[in-house]
Amino acid sequence: MEDPEGLHGVVTRKAFLGEIVDYQIKIGDQFMRVQKSRRDKGPEPGENCALHLLRPFWYAENE
């Protein structure tokens, strides 16, 4: 069942990489990497956030 409010986490890192901002988000005991345009407003380290995955995909552990 999908959570309509998304995955809740905390921003642990924010890095500016040219035209994008690279975030590390802690969700439970796991981390997720998120990238956004530097022109879009985003959260600061230490802030709570929610992630909505529009087209999620993942790789098997052995790939």
Protein backbone atom coordinates (compact mmCIF):
# COMPACT_ATOMS: atom_id res chain seq x y z
CA MET A 1 0.00 0.00 0.00
CA GLU A 2 1.36 3.44 -0.93
CA ASP A 3 1.83 6.14 1.66
CA PRO A 4 0.09 9.25 0.26
CA GLU A 5 2.40 11.49 2.26
CA GLY A 6 5.60 9.90 0.90
CA LEU A 7 8.69 8.62 2.67
CA HIS A 8 9.64 10.70 5.69
CA GLY A 9 13.28 11.44 6.41
CA VAL A 10 15.89 13.96 7.50
CA VAL A 11 18.38 15.79 5.28
CA THR A 12 21.89 14.80 6.38
CA ARG A 13 23.91 16.45 3.60
CA LYS A 14 23.48 19.12 0.91
CA ALA A 15 26.12 19.66 -1.77
CA PHE A 16 26.07 22.12 -4.67
CA LEU A 17 27.26 20.48 -7.89
CA GLY A 18 26.99 23.08 -10.63
CA GLU A 19 23.40 23.17 -11.87
CA ILE A 20 22.16 20.58 -9.35
CA VAL A 21 21.99 20.21 -5.59
CA ASP A 22 22.78 16.73 -4.29
CA TYR A 23 21.05 15.69 -1.04
CA GLN A 24 21.53 12.74 1.27
CA ILE A 25 18.31 11.84 3.08
CA LYS A 26 18.15 9.45 6.04
CA ILE A 27 14.98 7.35 6.05
CA GLY A 28 14.93 5.03 9.06
CA ASP A 29 18.35 3.35 9.07
CA GLN A 30 18.85 3.76 5.29
CA PHE A 31 20.11 6.64 3.16
CA MET A 32 18.77 7.88 -0.16
CA ARG A 33 20.47 10.23 -2.58
CA VAL A 34 18.31 12.91 -4.22
CA GLN A 35 19.22 15.51 -6.83
CA LYS A 36 17.28 18.67 -7.67
CA SER A 37 17.88 21.70 -9.84
CA ARG A 38 19.75 24.39 -7.95
CA ARG A 39 16.97 26.79 -8.96
CA ASP A 40 14.33 24.80 -7.03
CA LYS A 41 13.93 25.57 -3.33
CA GLY A 42 14.97 22.63 -1.20
CA PRO A 43 15.48 21.68 2.45
CA GLU A 44 18.56 22.41 4.53
CA PRO A 45 20.62 19.84 6.48
CA GLY A 46 18.82 18.83 9.67
CA GLU A 47 15.36 19.56 8.25
CA ASN A 48 12.65 16.94 8.00
CA CYS A 49 11.32 16.17 4.54
CA ALA A 50 9.03 13.81 2.64
CA LEU A 51 9.92 12.11 -0.65
CA HIS A 52 7.40 11.21 -3.32
CA LEU A 53 8.83 8.68 -5.78
CA LEU A 54 7.25 9.28 -9.19
CA ARG A 55 9.19 6.66 -11.20
CA PRO A 56 11.19 4.55 -8.72
CA PHE A 57 13.68 1.93 -9.84
CA TRP A 58 16.44 0.07 -8.04
CA TYR A 59 19.20 -2.39 -8.69
CA ALA A 60 19.77 -5.80 -7.21
CA GLU A 61 22.53 -5.95 -4.60
CA ASN A 62 24.81 -7.99 -6.90
CA GLU A 63 24.57 -5.63 -9.94
